[in-house]
């Protein structure tokens, strides 16, 4: 498990973690949209499997969307923690 010290480095690490989580959440959403477009572009070439593949892609994208808000909340919590650590550092309580 990662440890984040009460220091400027800890603040930077927490902010980086929040940024990475947000970016990855967006990347997953965009990949799902790209996959949907790719499947649609194949269209009739998928034959009898087209509908089933589209249903599966839709299911994955729906699951990601429902989890997206949780990741956004977690990202906000990490940003708040980074600010709390920054406040401690500014108060002279850090390393």
PDB file of N, CA and C in Angstrom:
ATOM      1  N   UNK A   1       0.843  -1.171   0.000  1.00  0.00           N
ATOM      2  CA  UNK A   1       0.000   0.000   0.000  1.00  0.00           C
ATOM      3  C   UNK A   1       0.886   1.230   0.000  1.00  0.00           C
ATOM      4  N   UNK A   2       0.560   2.178  -0.834  1.00  0.00           N
ATOM      5  CA  UNK A   2       1.340   3.408  -0.940  1.00  0.00           C
ATOM      6  C   UNK A   2       1.141   4.265   0.307  1.00  0.00           C
ATOM      7  N   UNK A   3       2.208   4.965   0.673  1.00  0.00           N
ATOM      8  CA  UNK A   3       2.137   5.882   1.810  1.00  0.00           C
ATOM      9  C   UNK A   3       2.418   7.281   1.289  1.00  0.00           C
ATOM     10  N   UNK A   4       1.643   8.216   1.777  1.00  0.00           N
ATOM     11  CA  UNK A   4       1.800   9.609   1.377  1.00  0.00           C
ATOM     12  C   UNK A   4       2.143  10.410   2.629  1.00  0.00           C
ATOM     13  N   UNK A   5       3.390  10.888   2.677  1.00  0.00           N
ATOM     14  CA  UNK A   5       3.838  11.627   3.843  1.00  0.00           C
ATOM     15  C   UNK A   5       3.232  13.014   3.919  1.00  0.00           C
ATOM     16  N   UNK A   6       3.283  13.568   5.120  1.00  0.00           N
ATOM     17  CA  UNK A   6       2.829  14.942   5.311  1.00  0.00           C
ATOM     18  C   UNK A   6       3.999  15.831   4.913  1.00  0.00           C
ATOM     19  N   UNK A   7       4.071  16.056   3.603  1.00  0.00           N
ATOM     20  CA  UNK A   7       5.161  16.831   3.014  1.00  0.00           C
ATOM     21  C   UNK A   7       4.698  17.349   1.661  1.00  0.00           C
ATOM     22  N   UNK A   8       5.488  18.220   1.081  1.00  0.00           N
ATOM     23  CA  UNK A   8       5.153  18.713  -0.256  1.00  0.00           C
ATOM     24  C   UNK A   8       5.143  17.568  -1.269  1.00  0.00           C
ATOM     25  N   UNK A   9       6.036  16.593  -1.080  1.00  0.00           N
ATOM     26  CA  UNK A   9       6.066  15.430  -1.965  1.00  0.00           C
ATOM     27  C   UNK A   9       4.787  14.610  -1.829  1.00  0.00           C
ATOM     28  N   UNK A  10       4.298  14.483  -0.594  1.00  0.00           N
ATOM     29  CA  UNK A  10       3.039  13.775  -0.367  1.00  0.00           C
ATOM     30  C   UNK A  10       1.871  14.465  -1.049  1.00  0.00           C
ATOM     31  N   UNK A  11       1.870  15.794  -0.975  1.00  0.00           N
ATOM     32  CA  UNK A  11       0.823  16.582  -1.635  1.00  0.00           C
ATOM     33  C   UNK A  11       0.894  16.360  -3.145  1.00  0.00           C
ATOM     34  N   UNK A  12       2.100  16.422  -3.687  1.00  0.00           N
ATOM     35  CA  UNK A  12       2.271  16.212  -5.128  1.00  0.00           C
ATOM     36  C   UNK A  12       1.827  14.806  -5.545  1.00  0.00           C
ATOM     37  N   UNK A  13       2.171  13.826  -4.731  1.00  0.00           N
ATOM     38  CA  UNK A  13       1.788  12.444  -5.042  1.00  0.00           C
ATOM     39  C   UNK A  13       0.270  12.266  -5.013  1.00  0.00           C
ATOM     40  N   UNK A  14      -0.375  12.846  -4.025  1.00  0.00           N
ATOM     41  CA  UNK A  14      -1.835  12.752  -3.943  1.00  0.00           C
ATOM     42  C   UNK A  14      -2.497  13.457  -5.125  1.00  0.00           C
ATOM     43  N   UNK A  15      -1.992  14.630  -5.467  1.00  0.00           N
ATOM     44  CA  UNK A  15      -2.552  15.342  -6.619  1.00  0.00           C
ATOM     45  C   UNK A  15      -2.330  14.559  -7.904  1.00  0.00           C
ATOM     46  N   UNK A  16      -1.176  13.912  -8.029  1.00  0.00           N
ATOM     47  CA  UNK A  16      -0.905  13.091  -9.213  1.00  0.00           C
ATOM     48  C   UNK A  16      -1.855  11.895  -9.262  1.00  0.00           C
ATOM     49  N   UNK A  17      -2.080  11.280  -8.108  1.00  0.00           N
ATOM     50  CA  UNK A  17      -3.012  10.155  -8.036  1.00  0.00           C
ATOM     51  C   UNK A  17      -4.413  10.579  -8.479  1.00  0.00           C
ATOM     52  N   UNK A  18      -4.876  11.712  -7.989  1.00  0.00           N
ATOM     53  CA  UNK A  18      -6.201  12.214  -8.376  1.00  0.00           C
ATOM     54  C   UNK A  18      -6.259  12.493  -9.871  1.00  0.00           C
ATOM     55  N   UNK A  19      -5.218  13.094 -10.391  1.00  0.00           N
ATOM     56  CA  UNK A  19      -5.158  13.387 -11.824  1.00  0.00           C
ATOM     57  C   UNK A  19      -5.159  12.105 -12.651  1.00  0.00           C
ATOM     58  N   UNK A  20      -4.384  11.122 -12.232  1.00  0.00           N
ATOM     59  CA  UNK A  20      -4.313   9.846 -12.944  1.00  0.00           C
ATOM     60  C   UNK A  20      -5.662   9.125 -12.930  1.00  0.00           C
ATOM     61  N   UNK A  21      -6.327   9.126 -11.780  1.00  0.00           N
ATOM     62  CA  UNK A  21      -7.627   8.458 -11.686  1.00  0.00           C
ATOM     63  C   UNK A  21      -8.640   9.122 -12.611  1.00  0.00           C
ATOM     64  N   UNK A  22      -8.639  10.431 -12.646  1.00  0.00           N
ATOM     65  CA  UNK A  22      -9.570  11.155 -13.507  1.00  0.00           C
ATOM     66  C   UNK A  22      -9.276  10.879 -14.982  1.00  0.00           C
ATOM     67  N   UNK A  23      -8.007  10.910 -15.339  1.00  0.00           N
ATOM     68  CA  UNK A  23      -7.610  10.662 -16.729  1.00  0.00           C
ATOM     69  C   UNK A  23      -7.963   9.240 -17.154  1.00  0.00           C
ATOM     70  N   UNK A  24      -7.677   8.269 -16.296  1.00  0.00           N
ATOM     71  CA  UNK A  24      -7.990   6.880 -16.620  1.00  0.00           C
ATOM     72  C   UNK A  24      -9.497   6.660 -16.747  1.00  0.00           C
ATOM     73  N   UNK A  25     -10.263   7.317 -15.903  1.00  0.00           N
ATOM     74  CA  UNK A  25     -11.719   7.222 -15.987  1.00  0.00           C
ATOM     75  C   UNK A  25     -12.199   7.747 -17.341  1.00  0.00           C
ATOM     76  N   UNK A  26     -11.628   8.869 -17.770  1.00  0.00           N
ATOM     77  CA  UNK A  26     -11.974   9.427 -19.082  1.00  0.00           C
ATOM     78  C   UNK A  26     -11.504   8.516 -20.212  1.00  0.00           C
ATOM     79  N   UNK A  27     -10.304   7.957 -20.057  1.00  0.00           N
ATOM     80  CA  UNK A  27      -9.767   7.058 -21.089  1.00  0.00           C
ATOM     81  C   UNK A  27     -10.653   5.825 -21.263  1.00  0.00           C
ATOM     82  N   UNK A  28     -11.145   5.280 -20.154  1.00  0.00           N
ATOM     83  CA  UNK A  28     -12.012   4.107 -20.227  1.00  0.00           C
ATOM     84  C   UNK A  28     -13.313   4.462 -20.940  1.00  0.00           C
ATOM     85  N   UNK A  29     -13.872   5.622 -20.612  1.00  0.00           N
ATOM     86  CA  UNK A  29     -15.101   6.060 -21.285  1.00  0.00           C
ATOM     87  C   UNK A  29     -14.852   6.208 -22.786  1.00  0.00           C
ATOM     88  N   UNK A  30     -13.769   6.864 -23.144  1.00  0.00           N
ATOM     89  CA  UNK A  30     -13.458   7.084 -24.561  1.00  0.00           C
ATOM     90  C   UNK A  30     -13.191   5.764 -25.291  1.00  0.00           C
ATOM     91  N   UNK A  31     -12.537   4.822 -24.627  1.00  0.00           N
ATOM     92  CA  UNK A  31     -12.281   3.524 -25.238  1.00  0.00           C
ATOM     93  C   UNK A  31     -13.595   2.784 -25.498  1.00  0.00           C
ATOM     94  N   UNK A  32     -14.530   2.906 -24.590  1.00  0.00           N
ATOM     95  CA  UNK A  32     -15.838   2.288 -24.784  1.00  0.00           C
ATOM     96  C   UNK A  32     -16.572   2.877 -25.978  1.00  0.00           C
ATOM     97  N   UNK A  33     -16.475   4.183 -26.112  1.00  0.00           N
ATOM     98  CA  UNK A  33     -17.104   4.845 -27.262  1.00  0.00           C
ATOM     99  C   UNK A  33     -16.419   4.432 -28.564  1.00  0.00           C
ATOM    100  N   UNK A  34     -15.098   4.331 -28.532  1.00  0.00           N
ATOM    101  CA  UNK A  34     -14.350   3.909 -29.709  1.00  0.00           C
ATOM    102  C   UNK A  34     -14.726   2.478 -30.090  1.00  0.00           C
ATOM    103  N   UNK A  35     -14.840   1.620 -29.093  1.00  0.00           N
ATOM    104  CA  UNK A  35     -15.229   0.237 -29.352  1.00  0.00           C
ATOM    105  C   UNK A  35     -16.609   0.179 -29.992  1.00  0.00           C
ATOM    106  N   UNK A  36     -17.536   0.961 -29.466  1.00  0.00           N
ATOM    107  CA  UNK A  36     -18.889   0.991 -30.018  1.00  0.00           C
ATOM    108  C   UNK A  36     -18.854   1.438 -31.481  1.00  0.00           C
ATOM    109  N   UNK A  37     -18.064   2.458 -31.778  1.00  0.00           N
ATOM    110  CA  UNK A  37     -17.944   2.948 -33.154  1.00  0.00           C
ATOM    111  C   UNK A  37     -17.317   1.892 -34.061  1.00  0.00           C
ATOM    112  N   UNK A  38     -16.308   1.205 -33.551  1.00  0.00           N
ATOM    113  CA  UNK A  38     -15.639   0.166 -34.343  1.00  0.00           C
ATOM    114  C   UNK A  38     -16.583  -0.978 -34.672  1.00  0.00           C
ATOM    115  N   UNK A  39     -17.371  -1.384 -33.696  1.00  0.00           N
ATOM    116  CA  UNK A  39     -18.334  -2.461 -33.920  1.00  0.00           C
ATOM    117  C   UNK A  39     -19.386  -2.005 -34.928  1.00  0.00           C
ATOM    118  N   UNK A  40     -19.850  -0.767 -34.782  1.00  0.00           N
ATOM    119  CA  UNK A  40     -20.845  -0.235 -35.718  1.00  0.00           C
ATOM    120  C   UNK A  40     -20.288  -0.170 -37.129  1.00  0.00           C
ATOM    121  N   UNK A  41     -19.008   0.164 -37.245  1.00  0.00           N
ATOM    122  CA  UNK A  41     -18.381   0.258 -38.565  1.00  0.00           C
ATOM    123  C   UNK A  41     -18.315  -1.113 -39.244  1.00  0.00           C
ATOM    124  N   UNK A  42     -18.199  -2.155 -38.452  1.00  0.00           N
ATOM    125  CA  UNK A  42     -18.170  -3.514 -39.015  1.00  0.00           C
ATOM    126  C   UNK A  42     -19.546  -3.935 -39.514  1.00  0.00           C
ATOM    127  N   UNK A  43     -20.563  -3.453 -38.822  1.00  0.00           N
ATOM    128  CA  UNK A  43     -21.947  -3.673 -39.211  1.00  0.00           C
ATOM    129  C   UNK A  43     -22.267  -5.054 -39.709  1.00  0.00           C
ATOM    130  N   UNK A  44     -22.700  -5.132 -40.945  1.00  0.00           N
ATOM    131  CA  UNK A  44     -23.161  -6.385 -41.536  1.00  0.00           C
ATOM    132  C   UNK A  44     -22.058  -7.439 -41.598  1.00  0.00           C
ATOM    133  N   UNK A  45     -20.819  -7.005 -41.558  1.00  0.00           N
ATOM    134  CA  UNK A  45     -19.714  -7.954 -41.608  1.00  0.00           C
ATOM    135  C   UNK A  45     -19.688  -8.875 -40.400  1.00  0.00           C
ATOM    136  N   UNK A  46     -20.385  -8.499 -39.336  1.00  0.00           N
ATOM    137  CA  UNK A  46     -20.434  -9.339 -38.140  1.00  0.00           C
ATOM    138  C   UNK A  46     -21.535 -10.384 -38.225  1.00  0.00           C
ATOM    139  N   UNK A  47     -22.361 -10.249 -39.237  1.00  0.00           N
ATOM    140  CA  UNK A  47     -23.419 -11.239 -39.469  1.00  0.00           C
ATOM    141  C   UNK A  47     -24.357 -11.395 -38.297  1.00  0.00           C
ATOM    142  N   UNK A  48     -24.634 -12.645 -37.968  1.00  0.00           N
ATOM    143  CA  UNK A  48     -25.611 -12.934 -36.926  1.00  0.00           C
ATOM    144  C   UNK A  48     -25.129 -12.532 -35.531  1.00  0.00           C
ATOM    145  N   UNK A  49     -23.843 -12.207 -35.403  1.00  0.00           N
ATOM    146  CA  UNK A  49     -23.279 -11.865 -34.100  1.00  0.00           C
ATOM    147  C   UNK A  49     -23.353 -10.373 -33.795  1.00  0.00           C
ATOM    148  N   UNK A  50     -23.722  -9.574 -34.788  1.00  0.00           N
ATOM    149  CA  UNK A  50     -23.717  -8.117 -34.610  1.00  0.00           C
ATOM    150  C   UNK A  50     -24.550  -7.668 -33.411  1.00  0.00           C
ATOM    151  N   UNK A  51     -25.758  -8.134 -33.316  1.00  0.00           N
ATOM    152  CA  UNK A  51     -26.640  -7.706 -32.226  1.00  0.00           C
ATOM    153  C   UNK A  51     -26.090  -8.128 -30.865  1.00  0.00           C
ATOM    154  N   UNK A  52     -25.600  -9.360 -30.780  1.00  0.00           N
ATOM    155  CA  UNK A  52     -25.058  -9.854 -29.512  1.00  0.00           C
ATOM    156  C   UNK A  52     -23.815  -9.058 -29.104  1.00  0.00           C
ATOM    157  N   UNK A  53     -22.943  -8.768 -30.056  1.00  0.00           N
ATOM    158  CA  UNK A  53     -21.735  -7.983 -29.761  1.00  0.00           C
ATOM    159  C   UNK A  53     -22.126  -6.577 -29.319  1.00  0.00           C
ATOM    160  N   UNK A  54     -23.071  -5.969 -30.023  1.00  0.00           N
ATOM    161  CA  UNK A  54     -23.530  -4.630 -29.629  1.00  0.00           C
ATOM    162  C   UNK A  54     -24.128  -4.636 -28.225  1.00  0.00           C
ATOM    163  N   UNK A  55     -24.889  -5.665 -27.898  1.00  0.00           N
ATOM    164  CA  UNK A  55     -25.467  -5.766 -26.559  1.00  0.00           C
ATOM    165  C   UNK A  55     -24.371  -5.870 -25.496  1.00  0.00           C
ATOM    166  N   UNK A  56     -23.339  -6.666 -25.778  1.00  0.00           N
ATOM    167  CA  UNK A  56     -22.235  -6.809 -24.829  1.00  0.00           C
ATOM    168  C   UNK A  56     -21.465  -5.494 -24.655  1.00  0.00           C
ATOM    169  N   UNK A  57     -21.200  -4.815 -25.743  1.00  0.00           N
ATOM    170  CA  UNK A  57     -20.502  -3.528 -25.677  1.00  0.00           C
ATOM    171  C   UNK A  57     -21.346  -2.526 -24.893  1.00  0.00           C
ATOM    172  N   UNK A  58     -22.637  -2.497 -25.164  1.00  0.00           N
ATOM    173  CA  UNK A  58     -23.531  -1.594 -24.424  1.00  0.00           C
ATOM    174  C   UNK A  58     -23.530  -1.914 -22.937  1.00  0.00           C
ATOM    175  N   UNK A  59     -23.494  -3.195 -22.612  1.00  0.00           N
ATOM    176  CA  UNK A  59     -23.479  -3.616 -21.213  1.00  0.00           C
ATOM    177  C   UNK A  59     -22.205  -3.135 -20.506  1.00  0.00           C
ATOM    178  N   UNK A  60     -21.077  -3.294 -21.176  1.00  0.00           N
ATOM    179  CA  UNK A  60     -19.803  -2.842 -20.603  1.00  0.00           C
ATOM    180  C   UNK A  60     -19.806  -1.322 -20.437  1.00  0.00           C
ATOM    181  N   UNK A  61     -20.274  -0.610 -21.438  1.00  0.00           N
ATOM    182  CA  UNK A  61     -20.300   0.856 -21.362  1.00  0.00           C
ATOM    183  C   UNK A  61     -21.247   1.343 -20.274  1.00  0.00           C
ATOM    184  N   UNK A  62     -22.364   0.662 -20.101  1.00  0.00           N
ATOM    185  CA  UNK A  62     -23.304   1.029 -19.042  1.00  0.00           C
ATOM    186  C   UNK A  62     -22.692   0.797 -17.665  1.00  0.00           C
ATOM    187  N   UNK A  63     -22.000  -0.308 -17.506  1.00  0.00           N
ATOM    188  CA  UNK A  63     -21.333  -0.604 -16.228  1.00  0.00           C
ATOM    189  C   UNK A  63     -20.276   0.455 -15.924  1.00  0.00           C
ATOM    190  N   UNK A  64     -19.524   0.858 -16.937  1.00  0.00           N
ATOM    191  CA  UNK A  64     -18.507   1.887 -16.731  1.00  0.00           C
ATOM    192  C   UNK A  64     -19.146   3.206 -16.338  1.00  0.00           C
ATOM    193  N   UNK A  65     -20.230   3.565 -16.982  1.00  0.00           N
ATOM    194  CA  UNK A  65     -20.903   4.823 -16.657  1.00  0.00           C
ATOM    195  C   UNK A  65     -21.426   4.812 -15.231  1.00  0.00           C
ATOM    196  N   UNK A  66     -21.957   3.681 -14.785  1.00  0.00           N
ATOM    197  CA  UNK A  66     -22.482   3.630 -13.419  1.00  0.00           C
ATOM    198  C   UNK A  66     -21.348   3.714 -12.396  1.00  0.00           C
ATOM    199  N   UNK A  67     -20.167   3.220 -12.737  1.00  0.00           N
ATOM    200  CA  UNK A  67     -19.024   3.313 -11.840  1.00  0.00           C
ATOM    201  C   UNK A  67     -18.274   4.624 -11.955  1.00  0.00           C
ATOM    202  N   UNK A  68     -18.521   5.352 -13.021  1.00  0.00           N
ATOM    203  CA  UNK A  68     -17.816   6.603 -13.290  1.00  0.00           C
ATOM    204  C   UNK A  68     -17.992   7.612 -12.166  1.00  0.00           C
ATOM    205  N   UNK A  69     -19.215   7.747 -11.683  1.00  0.00           N
ATOM    206  CA  UNK A  69     -19.484   8.715 -10.621  1.00  0.00           C
ATOM    207  C   UNK A  69     -18.720   8.370  -9.349  1.00  0.00           C
ATOM    208  N   UNK A  70     -18.608   7.079  -9.053  1.00  0.00           N
ATOM    209  CA  UNK A  70     -17.860   6.658  -7.866  1.00  0.00           C
ATOM    210  C   UNK A  70     -16.389   7.049  -7.983  1.00  0.00           C
ATOM    211  N   UNK A  71     -15.820   6.880  -9.162  1.00  0.00           N
ATOM    212  CA  UNK A  71     -14.423   7.270  -9.378  1.00  0.00           C
ATOM    213  C   UNK A  71     -14.280   8.789  -9.244  1.00  0.00           C
ATOM    214  N   UNK A  72     -15.247   9.536  -9.760  1.00  0.00           N
ATOM    215  CA  UNK A  72     -15.201  10.992  -9.632  1.00  0.00           C
ATOM    216  C   UNK A  72     -15.265  11.415  -8.166  1.00  0.00           C
ATOM    217  N   UNK A  73     -16.091  10.734  -7.376  1.00  0.00           N
ATOM    218  CA  UNK A  73     -16.173  11.034  -5.945  1.00  0.00           C
ATOM    219  C   UNK A  73     -14.870  10.688  -5.236  1.00  0.00           C
ATOM    220  N   UNK A  74     -14.291   9.557  -5.590  1.00  0.00           N
ATOM    221  CA  UNK A  74     -13.017   9.157  -5.003  1.00  0.00           C
ATOM    222  C   UNK A  74     -11.921  10.152  -5.378  1.00  0.00           C
ATOM    223  N   UNK A  75     -11.920  10.603  -6.612  1.00  0.00           N
ATOM    224  CA  UNK A  75     -10.945  11.598  -7.062  1.00  0.00           C
ATOM    225  C   UNK A  75     -11.090  12.887  -6.256  1.00  0.00           C
ATOM    226  N   UNK A  76     -12.316  13.319  -6.042  1.00  0.00           N
ATOM    227  CA  UNK A  76     -12.556  14.528  -5.245  1.00  0.00           C
ATOM    228  C   UNK A  76     -12.062  14.337  -3.810  1.00  0.00           C
ATOM    229  N   UNK A  77     -12.250  13.146  -3.258  1.00  0.00           N
ATOM    230  CA  UNK A  77     -11.770  12.862  -1.895  1.00  0.00           C
ATOM    231  C   UNK A  77     -10.249  12.913  -1.818  1.00  0.00           C
ATOM    232  N   UNK A  78      -9.578  12.386  -2.832  1.00  0.00           N
ATOM    233  CA  UNK A  78      -8.111  12.416  -2.858  1.00  0.00           C
ATOM    234  C   UNK A  78      -7.623  13.862  -2.983  1.00  0.00           C
ATOM    235  N   UNK A  79      -8.291  14.666  -3.812  1.00  0.00           N
ATOM    236  CA  UNK A  79      -7.928  16.085  -3.937  1.00  0.00           C
ATOM    237  C   UNK A  79      -8.104  16.806  -2.603  1.00  0.00           C
ATOM    238  N   UNK A  80      -9.181  16.489  -1.884  1.00  0.00           N
ATOM    239  CA  UNK A  80      -9.433  17.098  -0.574  1.00  0.00           C
ATOM    240  C   UNK A  80      -8.347  16.675   0.404  1.00  0.00           C
ATOM    241  N   UNK A  81      -7.967  15.416   0.359  1.00  0.00           N
ATOM    242  CA  UNK A  81      -6.898  14.931   1.223  1.00  0.00           C
ATOM    243  C   UNK A  81      -5.589  15.655   0.910  1.00  0.00           C
ATOM    244  N   UNK A  82      -5.307  15.862  -0.369  1.00  0.00           N
ATOM    245  CA  UNK A  82      -4.098  16.592  -0.761  1.00  0.00           C
ATOM    246  C   UNK A  82      -4.130  18.007  -0.189  1.00  0.00           C
ATOM    247  N   UNK A  83      -5.297  18.641  -0.226  1.00  0.00           N
ATOM    248  CA  UNK A  83      -5.415  19.993   0.328  1.00  0.00           C
ATOM    249  C   UNK A  83      -5.234  19.973   1.843  1.00  0.00           C
ATOM    250  N   UNK A  84      -5.791  18.966   2.504  1.00  0.00           N
ATOM    251  CA  UNK A  84      -5.616  18.845   3.957  1.00  0.00           C
ATOM    252  C   UNK A  84      -4.144  18.669   4.318  1.00  0.00           C
ATOM    253  N   UNK A  85      -3.443  17.838   3.553  1.00  0.00           N
ATOM    254  CA  UNK A  85      -2.016  17.630   3.798  1.00  0.00           C
ATOM    255  C   UNK A  85      -1.258  18.926   3.532  1.00  0.00           C
ATOM    256  N   UNK A  86      -1.626  19.645   2.477  1.00  0.00           N
ATOM    257  CA  UNK A  86      -0.984  20.927   2.179  1.00  0.00           C
ATOM    258  C   UNK A  86      -1.181  21.904   3.338  1.00  0.00           C
ATOM    259  N   UNK A  87      -2.376  21.913   3.897  1.00  0.00           N
ATOM    260  CA  UNK A  87      -2.649  22.789   5.052  1.00  0.00           C
ATOM    261  C   UNK A  87      -1.764  22.424   6.236  1.00  0.00           C
ATOM    262  N   UNK A  88      -1.569  21.123   6.475  1.00  0.00           N
ATOM    263  CA  UNK A  88      -0.690  20.685   7.566  1.00  0.00           C
ATOM    264  C   UNK A  88       0.754  21.097   7.313  1.00  0.00           C
ATOM    265  N   UNK A  89       1.201  20.931   6.079  1.00  0.00           N
ATOM    266  CA  UNK A  89       2.573  21.318   5.710  1.00  0.00           C
ATOM    267  C   UNK A  89       2.731  22.827   5.908  1.00  0.00           C
ATOM    268  N   UNK A  90       1.755  23.586   5.443  1.00  0.00           N
ATOM    269  CA  UNK A  90       1.815  25.055   5.568  1.00  0.00           C
ATOM    270  C   UNK A  90       1.827  25.494   7.030  1.00  0.00           C
ATOM    271  N   UNK A  91       1.202  24.695   7.889  1.00  0.00           N
ATOM    272  CA  UNK A  91       1.172  25.009   9.311  1.00  0.00           C
ATOM    273  C   UNK A  91       2.457  24.553  10.025  1.00  0.00           C
ATOM    274  N   UNK A  92       3.394  23.965   9.260  1.00  0.00           N
ATOM    275  CA  UNK A  92       4.658  23.538   9.837  1.00  0.00           C
ATOM    276  C   UNK A  92       4.596  22.184  10.520  1.00  0.00           C
ATOM    277  N   UNK A  93       3.586  21.398  10.225  1.00  0.00           N
ATOM    278  CA  UNK A  93       3.432  20.100  10.875  1.00  0.00           C
ATOM    279  C   UNK A  93       3.949  18.942  10.042  1.00  0.00           C
ATOM    280  N   UNK A  94       4.500  19.217   8.884  1.00  0.00           N
ATOM    281  CA  UNK A  94       4.958  18.146   8.007  1.00  0.00           C
ATOM    282  C   UNK A  94       6.437  17.868   8.163  1.00  0.00           C
ATOM    283  N   UNK A  95       6.865  16.948   7.336  1.00  0.00           N
ATOM    284  CA  UNK A  95       8.277  16.551   7.347  1.00  0.00           C
ATOM    285  C   UNK A  95       9.099  17.509   6.539  1.00  0.00           C
TER     286      UNK A  95
END
